[in-house]
Structure formats: structure tokens, C-alpha cells
Amino acid sequence: MLIRGIGVRDISTVLHINITKVLKTLTSSKYAIQPQQKHYDCLEIDEFWTYVKEKKNKVWLIYAYHWETVEIVAYVWGKRDLKTAQKLRKWIKRLGITYDTVA
């Protein structure tokens, strides 16, 4: 649902569950993305944010996306800063993924 642009509050409403439960599920998820390829011609980096309890407590999800295969290659949670972007880059490298360009 998050990939389709549906926010945490909307997920809570649609599924009739508490927002806290949605956030706990997202942050404690052991889901591991398995990229379909080892090399991509171009990866797009995108982000979205949500907040925990108050709008000043923002949490960002930054992810690498390959639009031709409609695949999320990797993602990380964190602040909207260079450190989180570097964390995503390291994660892509750890997965053994190579790419030509980042859009």
C-alpha cells in the first residue's frame, strides 16, 4: 500500500487497525527484498515521509526503484539527510547490485 502512495493513516483506516500497529509492523518488518537482477541500467531514488505521533517526529523511507521492471531494489528508514542516502547506497552495494546511472 505504501508503494501505491497510500499513507500510514489511510492504511490504518482501510484495514481498521490502529496507526501504532501499522507503524510497529513497518518498523519491525523482517521482509527482505530480493532484487531480480544483479545489474540495472538506471535506478531512480525516491522518498516519502510519515510521522510518529506528532508531525515534528518525521521518519523518511528512501528507496531505489527500477521503473522498467516496476521493482523496488532497496530501501532504508531514517532522517532526510546525507547519512540516510549513504546508508541506502551501502545497502545496494551489500546486495551486490550494480547500476549505470541514478536518476
N, C-alpha and C. Protein backbone atom coordinates (compact mmCIF):
# COMPACT_ATOMS: atom_id res chain seq x y z
N MET A 1 0.82 -1.19 0.00
CA MET A 1 0.00 0.00 0.00
C MET A 1 0.86 1.26 0.00
N LEU A 2 1.96 1.22 0.75
CA LEU A 2 2.84 2.39 0.79
C LEU A 2 3.42 2.70 -0.58
N ILE A 3 3.73 1.66 -1.33
CA ILE A 3 4.30 1.85 -2.66
C ILE A 3 3.31 2.56 -3.58
N ARG A 4 2.04 2.35 -3.38
CA ARG A 4 1.00 2.98 -4.19
C ARG A 4 0.65 4.39 -3.73
N GLY A 5 1.38 4.90 -2.74
CA GLY A 5 1.15 6.25 -2.29
C GLY A 5 0.11 6.39 -1.20
N ILE A 6 -0.30 5.29 -0.63
CA ILE A 6 -1.27 5.34 0.46
C ILE A 6 -0.52 5.56 1.76
N GLY A 7 -0.91 6.55 2.51
CA GLY A 7 -0.23 6.89 3.75
C GLY A 7 -0.57 5.95 4.89
N VAL A 8 0.18 6.08 5.97
CA VAL A 8 0.00 5.24 7.14
C VAL A 8 -1.39 5.40 7.73
N ARG A 9 -1.88 6.63 7.79
CA ARG A 9 -3.23 6.85 8.34
C ARG A 9 -4.30 6.19 7.47
N ASP A 10 -4.13 6.26 6.16
CA ASP A 10 -5.09 5.62 5.26
C ASP A 10 -5.05 4.10 5.39
N ILE A 11 -3.85 3.55 5.54
CA ILE A 11 -3.72 2.10 5.74
C ILE A 11 -4.48 1.71 7.01
N SER A 12 -4.30 2.50 8.06
CA SER A 12 -4.99 2.24 9.32
C SER A 12 -6.51 2.24 9.12
N THR A 13 -7.00 3.21 8.38
CA THR A 13 -8.45 3.32 8.15
C THR A 13 -8.97 2.17 7.30
N VAL A 14 -8.28 1.87 6.20
CA VAL A 14 -8.73 0.82 5.29
C VAL A 14 -8.73 -0.55 5.98
N LEU A 15 -7.70 -0.83 6.76
CA LEU A 15 -7.58 -2.13 7.41
C LEU A 15 -8.27 -2.20 8.78
N HIS A 16 -8.78 -1.05 9.23
CA HIS A 16 -9.45 -0.96 10.53
C HIS A 16 -8.55 -1.40 11.68
N ILE A 17 -7.30 -0.89 11.65
CA ILE A 17 -6.36 -1.16 12.73
C ILE A 17 -5.74 0.14 13.22
N ASN A 18 -5.16 0.11 14.38
CA ASN A 18 -4.55 1.28 14.99
C ASN A 18 -3.30 1.73 14.22
N ILE A 19 -3.08 3.03 14.15
CA ILE A 19 -1.90 3.57 13.48
C ILE A 19 -0.62 3.03 14.12
N THR A 20 -0.61 2.92 15.42
CA THR A 20 0.57 2.39 16.12
C THR A 20 0.90 0.99 15.63
N LYS A 21 -0.11 0.18 15.39
CA LYS A 21 0.10 -1.18 14.89
C LYS A 21 0.71 -1.15 13.49
N VAL A 22 0.25 -0.24 12.64
CA VAL A 22 0.80 -0.11 11.29
C VAL A 22 2.28 0.26 11.37
N LEU A 23 2.60 1.25 12.20
CA LEU A 23 3.99 1.70 12.32
C LEU A 23 4.88 0.61 12.93
N LYS A 24 4.39 -0.09 13.93
CA LYS A 24 5.17 -1.19 14.52
C LYS A 24 5.45 -2.27 13.49
N THR A 25 4.44 -2.58 12.70
CA THR A 25 4.60 -3.61 11.67
C THR A 25 5.64 -3.18 10.64
N LEU A 26 5.60 -1.93 10.23
CA LEU A 26 6.55 -1.43 9.25
C LEU A 26 7.98 -1.41 9.79
N THR A 27 8.14 -0.92 10.99
CA THR A 27 9.49 -0.77 11.54
C THR A 27 10.09 -2.08 12.03
N SER A 28 9.27 -3.05 12.36
CA SER A 28 9.80 -4.33 12.84
C SER A 28 9.79 -5.40 11.76
N SER A 29 9.43 -5.03 10.56
CA SER A 29 9.33 -5.99 9.48
C SER A 29 10.68 -6.63 9.18
N LYS A 30 10.68 -7.92 9.00
CA LYS A 30 11.89 -8.67 8.63
C LYS A 30 11.87 -8.98 7.13
N TYR A 31 10.95 -8.33 6.42
CA TYR A 31 10.82 -8.55 4.98
C TYR A 31 12.12 -8.15 4.29
N ALA A 32 12.65 -9.03 3.52
CA ALA A 32 13.89 -8.77 2.79
C ALA A 32 13.59 -8.73 1.30
N ILE A 33 13.94 -7.64 0.69
CA ILE A 33 13.75 -7.51 -0.75
C ILE A 33 14.83 -8.31 -1.46
N GLN A 34 14.42 -9.10 -2.41
CA GLN A 34 15.35 -9.87 -3.23
C GLN A 34 15.32 -9.30 -4.65
N PRO A 35 16.31 -8.48 -5.00
CA PRO A 35 16.33 -7.91 -6.35
C PRO A 35 16.34 -9.00 -7.42
N GLN A 36 15.66 -8.74 -8.52
CA GLN A 36 15.53 -9.72 -9.59
C GLN A 36 16.77 -9.78 -10.48
N GLN A 37 17.57 -8.71 -10.46
CA GLN A 37 18.75 -8.63 -11.31
C GLN A 37 19.96 -8.24 -10.47
N LYS A 38 21.15 -8.45 -11.02
CA LYS A 38 22.37 -8.00 -10.36
C LYS A 38 22.87 -6.68 -10.93
N HIS A 39 22.35 -6.31 -12.11
CA HIS A 39 22.75 -5.04 -12.73
C HIS A 39 21.52 -4.35 -13.31
N TYR A 40 21.45 -3.05 -13.09
CA TYR A 40 20.36 -2.22 -13.61
C TYR A 40 20.96 -1.08 -14.41
N ASP A 41 20.31 -0.74 -15.52
CA ASP A 41 20.80 0.38 -16.32
C ASP A 41 20.58 1.71 -15.62
N CYS A 42 19.48 1.83 -14.90
CA CYS A 42 19.17 3.09 -14.21
C CYS A 42 18.29 2.81 -13.00
N LEU A 43 18.66 3.37 -11.87
CA LEU A 43 17.85 3.29 -10.67
C LEU A 43 17.37 4.69 -10.32
N GLU A 44 16.11 4.80 -9.97
CA GLU A 44 15.56 6.06 -9.50
C GLU A 44 15.50 6.02 -7.99
N ILE A 45 15.84 7.13 -7.36
CA ILE A 45 15.78 7.23 -5.92
C ILE A 45 14.59 8.13 -5.59
N ASP A 46 13.75 7.65 -4.70
CA ASP A 46 12.59 8.43 -4.29
C ASP A 46 12.42 8.31 -2.79
N GLU A 47 11.53 9.10 -2.25
CA GLU A 47 11.35 9.13 -0.81
C GLU A 47 9.92 9.52 -0.46
N PHE A 48 9.52 9.17 0.72
CA PHE A 48 8.30 9.73 1.29
C PHE A 48 8.47 9.71 2.80
N TRP A 49 7.64 10.49 3.45
CA TRP A 49 7.76 10.57 4.90
C TRP A 49 6.42 10.36 5.57
N THR A 50 6.53 9.96 6.80
CA THR A 50 5.38 9.88 7.68
C THR A 50 5.85 10.40 9.02
N TYR A 51 5.00 10.44 9.98
CA TYR A 51 5.43 10.90 11.30
C TYR A 51 4.91 9.96 12.37
N VAL A 52 5.60 10.01 13.51
CA VAL A 52 5.24 9.18 14.65
C VAL A 52 4.66 10.09 15.73
N LYS A 53 3.39 9.95 16.00
CA LYS A 53 2.63 10.70 17.00
C LYS A 53 2.48 12.19 16.68
N GLU A 54 3.55 12.89 16.38
CA GLU A 54 3.48 14.32 16.08
C GLU A 54 4.18 14.59 14.75
N LYS A 55 3.73 15.63 14.04
CA LYS A 55 4.33 15.94 12.74
C LYS A 55 5.80 16.32 12.84
N LYS A 56 6.24 16.76 13.99
CA LYS A 56 7.65 17.12 14.12
C LYS A 56 8.56 15.87 14.21
N ASN A 57 7.96 14.69 14.43
CA ASN A 57 8.71 13.44 14.50
C ASN A 57 8.66 12.71 13.16
N LYS A 58 9.25 13.31 12.14
CA LYS A 58 9.20 12.73 10.80
C LYS A 58 10.17 11.56 10.66
N VAL A 59 9.72 10.56 9.90
CA VAL A 59 10.54 9.41 9.56
C VAL A 59 10.46 9.26 8.04
N TRP A 60 11.61 9.10 7.40
CA TRP A 60 11.67 9.04 5.94
C TRP A 60 11.97 7.62 5.47
N LEU A 61 11.32 7.23 4.40
CA LEU A 61 11.63 6.00 3.70
C LEU A 61 12.24 6.42 2.37
N ILE A 62 13.48 6.05 2.16
CA ILE A 62 14.16 6.36 0.90
C ILE A 62 14.40 5.03 0.20
N TYR A 63 14.07 4.98 -1.09
CA TYR A 63 14.17 3.70 -1.79
C TYR A 63 14.71 3.87 -3.21
N ALA A 64 15.34 2.80 -3.70
CA ALA A 64 15.84 2.74 -5.08
C ALA A 64 14.84 1.92 -5.88
N TYR A 65 14.44 2.45 -7.03
CA TYR A 65 13.35 1.89 -7.82
C TYR A 65 13.78 1.74 -9.27
N HIS A 66 13.46 0.62 -9.89
CA HIS A 66 13.72 0.42 -11.31
C HIS A 66 12.38 0.41 -12.03
N TRP A 67 12.11 1.47 -12.79
CA TRP A 67 10.78 1.66 -13.36
C TRP A 67 10.44 0.66 -14.46
N GLU A 68 11.43 0.14 -15.18
CA GLU A 68 11.12 -0.80 -16.27
C GLU A 68 10.59 -2.13 -15.74
N THR A 69 11.11 -2.58 -14.61
CA THR A 69 10.64 -3.85 -14.03
C THR A 69 9.65 -3.62 -12.89
N VAL A 70 9.35 -2.34 -12.61
CA VAL A 70 8.43 -1.97 -11.53
C VAL A 70 8.87 -2.66 -10.22
N GLU A 71 10.13 -2.46 -9.90
CA GLU A 71 10.72 -3.17 -8.78
C GLU A 71 11.42 -2.21 -7.81
N ILE A 72 11.15 -2.37 -6.54
CA ILE A 72 11.92 -1.67 -5.53
C ILE A 72 13.13 -2.53 -5.23
N VAL A 73 14.30 -1.99 -5.46
CA VAL A 73 15.54 -2.74 -5.34
C VAL A 73 16.05 -2.74 -3.89
N ALA A 74 15.93 -1.60 -3.21
CA ALA A 74 16.38 -1.49 -1.82
C ALA A 74 15.70 -0.30 -1.17
N TYR A 75 15.65 -0.32 0.17
CA TYR A 75 15.06 0.80 0.90
C TYR A 75 15.71 0.92 2.27
N VAL A 76 15.65 2.12 2.83
CA VAL A 76 16.12 2.35 4.20
C VAL A 76 15.19 3.36 4.87
N TRP A 77 15.09 3.27 6.20
CA TRP A 77 14.36 4.23 7.02
C TRP A 77 15.37 5.14 7.69
N GLY A 78 15.02 6.40 7.89
CA GLY A 78 15.91 7.30 8.62
C GLY A 78 15.48 8.75 8.49
N LYS A 79 16.40 9.63 8.81
CA LYS A 79 16.16 11.06 8.66
C LYS A 79 16.37 11.44 7.20
N ARG A 80 15.90 12.61 6.83
CA ARG A 80 16.09 13.08 5.46
C ARG A 80 17.43 13.82 5.41
N ASP A 81 18.50 13.03 5.32
CA ASP A 81 19.83 13.62 5.30
C ASP A 81 20.78 12.75 4.49
N LEU A 82 22.01 13.24 4.36
CA LEU A 82 23.03 12.55 3.58
C LEU A 82 23.36 11.18 4.17
N LYS A 83 23.34 11.08 5.48
CA LYS A 83 23.67 9.82 6.15
C LYS A 83 22.71 8.71 5.73
N THR A 84 21.43 9.01 5.62
CA THR A 84 20.45 8.01 5.21
C THR A 84 20.64 7.64 3.74
N ALA A 85 20.95 8.63 2.91
CA ALA A 85 21.21 8.36 1.49
C ALA A 85 22.44 7.46 1.34
N GLN A 86 23.47 7.71 2.14
CA GLN A 86 24.67 6.87 2.11
C GLN A 86 24.36 5.46 2.59
N LYS A 87 23.47 5.36 3.56
CA LYS A 87 23.04 4.06 4.07
C LYS A 87 22.37 3.25 2.96
N LEU A 88 21.54 3.92 2.14
CA LEU A 88 20.90 3.25 1.00
C LEU A 88 21.95 2.78 0.01
N ARG A 89 22.90 3.64 -0.29
CA ARG A 89 23.97 3.28 -1.24
C ARG A 89 24.76 2.06 -0.74
N LYS A 90 25.10 2.06 0.55
CA LYS A 90 25.83 0.92 1.12
C LYS A 90 25.00 -0.36 1.05
N TRP A 91 23.70 -0.23 1.30
CA TRP A 91 22.82 -1.40 1.26
C TRP A 91 22.76 -1.97 -0.15
N ILE A 92 22.67 -1.11 -1.16
CA ILE A 92 22.65 -1.57 -2.56
C ILE A 92 23.96 -2.30 -2.87
N LYS A 93 25.07 -1.73 -2.41
CA LYS A 93 26.37 -2.36 -2.64
C LYS A 93 26.47 -3.70 -1.92
N ARG A 94 25.97 -3.78 -0.70
CA ARG A 94 25.99 -5.03 0.07
C ARG A 94 25.17 -6.12 -0.61
N LEU A 95 24.10 -5.73 -1.29
CA LEU A 95 23.29 -6.69 -2.03
C LEU A 95 23.98 -7.16 -3.32
N GLY A 96 25.09 -6.53 -3.67
CA GLY A 96 25.81 -6.90 -4.89
C GLY A 96 25.19 -6.34 -6.15
N ILE A 97 24.44 -5.26 -6.02
CA ILE A 97 23.76 -4.64 -7.15
C ILE A 97 24.67 -3.58 -7.78
N THR A 98 24.75 -3.58 -9.09
CA THR A 98 25.47 -2.54 -9.81
C THR A 98 24.47 -1.79 -10.68
N TYR A 99 24.83 -0.57 -11.05
CA TYR A 99 23.94 0.26 -11.87
C TYR A 99 24.78 1.25 -12.67
N ASP A 100 24.22 1.70 -13.78
CA ASP A 100 24.94 2.65 -14.64
C ASP A 100 24.68 4.09 -14.18
N THR A 101 23.43 4.44 -13.94
CA THR A 101 23.09 5.80 -13.53
C THR A 101 22.02 5.78 -12.44
N VAL A 102 21.97 6.88 -11.73
CA VAL A 102 20.92 7.09 -10.74
C VAL A 102 20.19 8.35 -11.16
N ALA A 103 18.89 8.24 -11.35
CA ALA A 103 18.10 9.39 -11.76
C ALA A 103 17.53 10.10 -10.56
